[in-house]
Protein backbone atom coordinates (compact mmCIF):
# COMPACT_ATOMS: atom_id res chain seq x y z
CA MET A 1 28.04 -40.25 -59.18
CA MET A 2 28.28 -36.47 -59.27
CA SER A 3 24.60 -36.05 -60.12
CA LYS A 4 23.66 -38.40 -57.27
CA ASP A 5 25.82 -36.43 -54.80
CA TYR A 6 24.27 -33.14 -55.96
CA GLY A 7 20.86 -34.68 -55.56
CA LYS A 8 21.63 -35.73 -51.99
CA ILE A 9 23.01 -32.28 -51.13
CA PHE A 10 20.01 -30.55 -52.69
CA GLY A 11 17.65 -32.85 -50.82
CA THR A 12 19.42 -32.20 -47.53
CA VAL A 13 19.37 -28.43 -48.07
CA LEU A 14 15.71 -28.49 -49.04
CA PHE A 15 14.85 -30.61 -46.02
CA THR A 16 16.72 -28.19 -43.74
CA VAL A 17 14.92 -25.18 -45.24
CA ILE A 18 11.57 -26.85 -44.75
CA ILE A 19 12.34 -27.71 -41.12
CA ILE A 20 13.51 -24.14 -40.40
CA SER A 21 10.41 -22.72 -42.07
CA ILE A 22 8.13 -24.97 -40.03
CA LEU A 23 9.88 -24.00 -36.81
CA TYR A 24 9.70 -20.29 -37.68
CA LEU A 25 6.00 -20.45 -38.51
CA SER A 26 5.30 -22.44 -35.35
CA LEU A 27 7.14 -19.93 -33.16
CA PHE A 28 5.47 -16.99 -34.93
CA LYS A 29 2.01 -18.48 -34.41
CA TYR A 30 2.85 -19.27 -30.78
CA TYR A 31 3.99 -15.69 -30.25
CA GLU A 32 0.86 -14.30 -31.85
CA LYS A 33 -1.32 -16.63 -29.81
CA GLY A 34 0.42 -15.82 -26.54
CA LYS A 35 0.77 -12.10 -27.21
CA GLU A 36 -1.13 -9.89 -24.77
CA GLU A 37 -3.85 -7.83 -26.36
CA ILE A 38 -3.89 -4.41 -24.70
CA LYS A 39 -6.88 -2.11 -24.94
CA MET A 40 -6.70 -0.06 -21.73
CA ILE A 41 -3.96 0.81 -19.21
CA ASN A 42 -5.04 1.81 -15.70
CA ILE A 43 -2.77 3.36 -13.03
CA TYR A 44 -3.35 2.87 -9.29
CA GLY A 45 -1.47 3.93 -6.15
CA ASN A 46 -0.43 7.34 -7.45
CA ASN A 47 -0.40 10.36 -5.12
CA LEU A 48 2.33 12.72 -6.26
CA LEU A 49 1.24 12.89 -9.90
CA SER A 50 -2.00 12.24 -11.74
CA LYS A 51 -2.54 9.00 -13.64
CA ASP A 52 -2.51 10.87 -16.95
CA ILE A 53 0.89 12.41 -16.28
CA TYR A 54 2.43 9.03 -15.42
CA ILE A 55 0.90 7.61 -18.62
CA ARG A 56 2.32 10.46 -20.73
CA PHE A 57 5.76 10.19 -19.12
CA ALA A 58 5.88 6.50 -20.05
CA ASP A 59 4.72 7.24 -23.64
CA LEU A 60 1.65 5.09 -23.13
CA ASP A 61 -0.95 7.70 -24.06
CA GLU A 62 -1.25 6.70 -27.73
CA LYS A 63 -3.36 3.58 -28.26
CA SER A 64 -1.81 3.18 -31.71
CA ILE A 65 1.37 1.81 -30.03
CA TYR A 66 -0.45 -0.74 -27.86
CA ASP A 67 0.17 -3.51 -30.42
CA ASP A 68 3.91 -3.20 -29.78
CA LEU A 69 3.63 -3.29 -25.98
CA SER A 70 4.08 -6.08 -23.49
CA LEU A 71 3.53 -6.16 -19.74
CA ASN A 72 7.28 -6.04 -19.17
CA ILE A 73 7.68 -2.97 -21.39
CA ILE A 74 4.88 -1.17 -19.52
CA LYS A 75 6.49 -2.04 -16.16
CA LYS A 76 9.91 -0.84 -17.30
CA ARG A 77 8.60 2.47 -18.63
CA ILE A 78 6.57 3.28 -15.52
CA GLU A 79 9.49 2.44 -13.21
CA GLU A 80 11.71 4.85 -15.14
CA HIS A 81 9.92 7.76 -13.49
CA PRO A 82 12.03 9.06 -10.56
CA TYR A 83 9.01 9.09 -8.24
CA VAL A 84 8.26 5.38 -8.72
CA ALA A 85 9.90 2.79 -6.47
CA LYS A 86 8.12 -0.22 -7.97
CA ALA A 87 5.34 -1.07 -10.42
CA GLU A 88 3.31 -4.28 -10.52
CA VAL A 89 1.60 -4.92 -13.86
CA LYS A 90 -1.28 -7.36 -14.31
CA SER A 91 -3.73 -8.15 -17.08
CA ASP A 92 -7.26 -9.48 -16.79
CA GLY A 93 -6.87 -11.35 -20.10
CA ARG A 94 -9.50 -9.17 -21.76
CA GLY A 95 -7.26 -6.28 -22.75
CA ASN A 96 -7.32 -4.35 -19.46
CA VAL A 97 -3.90 -3.80 -17.87
CA ASP A 98 -3.69 -2.62 -14.25
CA VAL A 99 -0.49 -0.93 -13.06
CA GLN A 100 -0.16 -0.70 -9.28
CA ILE A 101 2.66 1.71 -8.47
CA ARG A 102 4.44 2.32 -5.20
CA GLU A 103 5.87 5.81 -5.03
CA LYS A 104 9.04 6.59 -3.13
CA GLU A 105 8.49 7.85 0.41
CA ILE A 106 9.06 11.60 0.48
CA TYR A 107 10.44 12.73 3.83
CA ALA A 108 11.00 16.42 3.18
CA VAL A 109 11.53 19.19 0.68
CA LEU A 110 15.16 20.28 0.75
CA LEU A 111 15.73 23.92 -0.10
CA ASN A 112 19.26 24.67 -1.27
CA ASN A 113 20.17 28.08 -2.70
CA GLY A 114 16.56 28.64 -3.61
CA GLU A 115 16.30 25.33 -5.50
CA PRO A 116 13.86 22.75 -4.07
CA PHE A 117 14.36 18.98 -4.13
CA PHE A 118 12.36 16.11 -2.73
CA LEU A 119 14.33 14.10 -0.19
CA THR A 120 13.27 10.45 0.17
CA ASN A 121 13.48 8.24 3.23
CA ASN A 122 16.60 6.74 1.60
CA PHE A 123 18.27 10.18 1.40
CA GLU A 124 17.83 10.36 -2.38
CA LEU A 125 17.34 13.77 -3.97
CA LEU A 126 14.56 13.99 -6.55
CA LYS A 127 13.62 16.72 -8.96
CA ILE A 128 10.17 18.12 -8.20
CA TYR A 129 8.23 17.84 -11.43
CA GLU A 130 5.58 20.24 -12.62
CA TYR A 131 2.03 19.44 -11.46
CA THR A 132 3.31 17.48 -8.46
CA SER A 133 0.83 17.43 -5.60
CA TYR A 134 1.96 17.07 -1.97
CA SER A 135 1.13 18.29 1.52
CA ASP A 136 2.23 17.88 5.15
CA ILE A 137 5.88 17.60 4.09
CA PRO A 138 8.35 19.80 6.02
CA VAL A 139 10.98 21.98 4.39
CA ILE A 140 14.62 21.53 5.39
CA SER A 141 16.62 24.72 4.94
CA ASN A 142 20.09 26.16 5.52
CA ILE A 143 22.07 22.92 5.55
CA ARG A 144 25.83 22.66 5.30
CA VAL A 145 26.81 21.23 1.92
CA SER A 146 30.02 21.65 -0.03
CA GLU A 147 29.13 20.12 -3.40
CA LYS A 148 26.50 21.07 -5.95
CA LEU A 149 23.28 19.17 -5.41
CA THR A 150 21.69 17.31 -8.31
CA ALA A 151 18.71 15.01 -8.72
CA SER A 152 19.27 11.28 -8.00
CA LYS A 153 22.21 12.12 -5.71
CA VAL A 154 22.23 10.56 -2.23
CA LEU A 155 22.72 13.20 0.46
CA ARG A 156 23.32 11.89 3.94
CA ASN A 157 25.28 14.27 6.11
CA GLU A 158 25.09 15.39 9.74
CA ASP A 159 22.49 18.09 9.06
CA ILE A 160 20.18 15.82 7.08
CA ILE A 161 20.38 13.06 9.70
CA GLU A 162 19.49 15.60 12.40
CA ALA A 163 16.50 16.80 10.38
CA PHE A 164 15.31 13.20 9.87
CA LYS A 165 15.56 12.56 13.62
CA ILE A 166 13.38 15.61 14.27
CA ILE A 167 10.81 14.45 11.69
CA ASP A 168 10.77 10.93 13.15
CA ALA A 169 10.38 12.31 16.69
CA ALA A 170 7.39 14.39 15.60
CA LYS A 171 5.74 11.40 13.88
CA ILE A 172 6.21 9.16 16.92
CA THR A 173 5.02 11.81 19.38
CA ASP A 174 1.89 13.07 17.64
CA VAL A 175 0.66 12.62 14.07
CA GLU A 176 -1.04 16.01 14.08
CA LEU A 177 2.11 17.62 15.41
CA ALA A 178 4.09 16.04 12.59
CA LYS A 179 1.61 17.33 10.01
CA LYS A 180 2.01 20.89 11.35
CA LEU A 181 5.82 20.78 11.18
CA SER A 182 6.45 23.07 8.22
CA GLU A 183 10.16 23.94 8.36
CA ILE A 184 13.39 22.76 9.95
CA ASN A 185 15.98 25.54 9.72
CA LEU A 186 19.37 23.97 10.47
CA LYS A 187 21.19 27.31 10.61
CA TYR A 188 24.25 25.94 8.76
CA GLY A 189 25.30 23.78 11.70
CA GLY A 190 23.80 25.94 14.45
CA ASP A 191 20.81 25.24 16.67
CA ALA A 192 17.83 23.95 14.70
CA VAL A 193 14.80 26.24 14.65
CA LEU A 194 11.38 24.76 13.88
CA THR A 195 8.32 26.38 12.38
CA PHE A 196 4.83 24.91 12.72
CA SER A 197 1.82 25.85 10.62
CA GLY A 198 -0.79 27.76 12.62
CA ILE A 199 1.86 28.86 15.15
CA ASN A 200 3.13 32.41 14.76
CA TYR A 201 6.36 31.95 16.71
CA PRO A 202 9.44 29.74 16.18
CA ILE A 203 10.66 26.86 18.34
CA VAL A 204 14.36 26.97 19.13
CA PHE A 205 14.89 23.23 19.16
CA GLY A 206 18.67 22.87 19.25
CA ARG A 207 20.24 19.49 18.48
CA GLY A 208 20.07 16.11 20.15
CA SER A 209 17.42 14.54 22.46
CA GLU A 210 14.91 14.93 19.64
CA SER A 211 12.23 12.58 21.01
CA LYS A 212 12.42 13.99 24.52
CA LYS A 213 12.12 17.57 23.28
CA MET A 214 9.24 16.79 20.94
CA ILE A 215 7.30 15.07 23.72
CA TYR A 216 7.98 18.02 25.99
CA LEU A 217 6.80 20.47 23.34
CA SER A 218 3.58 18.49 22.88
CA LEU A 219 2.98 18.47 26.65
CA ILE A 220 3.61 22.22 26.87
CA TRP A 221 1.06 22.99 24.19
CA ASP A 222 -1.49 20.62 25.76
CA ARG A 223 -0.97 22.24 29.16
CA LEU A 224 -1.22 25.79 27.83
CA ASN A 225 -4.34 24.95 25.82
CA LYS A 226 -5.92 23.24 28.85
CA PHE A 227 -5.53 26.38 30.93
CA ASN A 228 -6.51 28.62 28.01
CA SER A 229 -3.17 30.41 28.18
CA ASP A 230 -2.80 33.17 25.64
CA LEU A 231 0.11 32.43 23.28
CA LYS A 232 -0.45 35.36 20.96
CA ASN A 233 2.28 37.38 22.65
CA THR A 234 4.80 34.53 22.56
CA GLU A 235 8.02 35.52 20.81
CA TYR A 236 9.60 32.05 20.78
CA ILE A 237 9.89 28.82 22.78
CA ASP A 238 13.38 27.58 23.61
CA LEU A 239 13.83 23.83 24.24
CA ARG A 240 17.59 23.80 24.64
CA PHE A 241 17.39 23.68 28.43
CA ALA A 242 17.35 20.38 30.33
CA ASN A 243 13.88 19.37 31.52
CA GLU A 244 12.38 22.83 31.04
CA ALA A 245 11.25 25.18 28.31
CA TYR A 246 11.93 28.88 28.07
CA ILE A 247 8.98 30.86 26.75
CA SER A 248 9.85 34.34 25.63
CA LYS A 249 6.96 36.79 25.68
CA LYS A 250 6.94 40.14 23.96
CA GLU A 251 6.39 41.74 27.38
CA ASN A 252 8.14 39.25 29.71
CA THR A 253 9.74 35.82 29.86
CA GLY A 254 9.30 32.69 31.89
CA LEU A 255 10.37 29.10 32.39
CA ILE A 256 8.03 26.12 32.38
């Protein structure tokens, strides 16, 4: 009886081991068959950084590690970069992997105590990495802030909201005007002063009525250019007055 019982137990155990082995081998072969072969990784949609820098940041520059990669791993690594909002990863089935990235929308460069940060449309502060390329992005300076600013922090206070309203007003009014907007000096809560590239005098913009003032500024410049008015002697333009602009000349002043 004992030998028969041992025989049954041994048979059961052996049968179980065989079944587990078969299942393991089946799953292993299925994994190997379904595993994505990766030969090349291509990056698209990048503007702030080169493709090579994104690849190096994600530790995808060594082809020796491609055997251990999956599409999900590539997606996760690319999206870990602070500039990247989303990455879509696709394979053509022949070893070529395309990564389409969408970078975060950079609204401005925030200058705080000499330290620059990117500021996104969602008010997120980003570290500006070496070799970053950007243009036509205004600088926001002299804001009121009580705490130390760090990357990934969300900064949405009265000064930043005012600066964003000015940027939005410029974009809506005139694309070229928005591109020339180079600095928004918020004067630590005082009247905002704007600087435009190619213009050698400041615009005392004040606060509030951003769209109305920006349209008025655009009309002033169009009118002055139409009549070939000489602006070289302009000291500043003041838009804080209702329905009129004060143009200060180095020799005299006048209202428009």
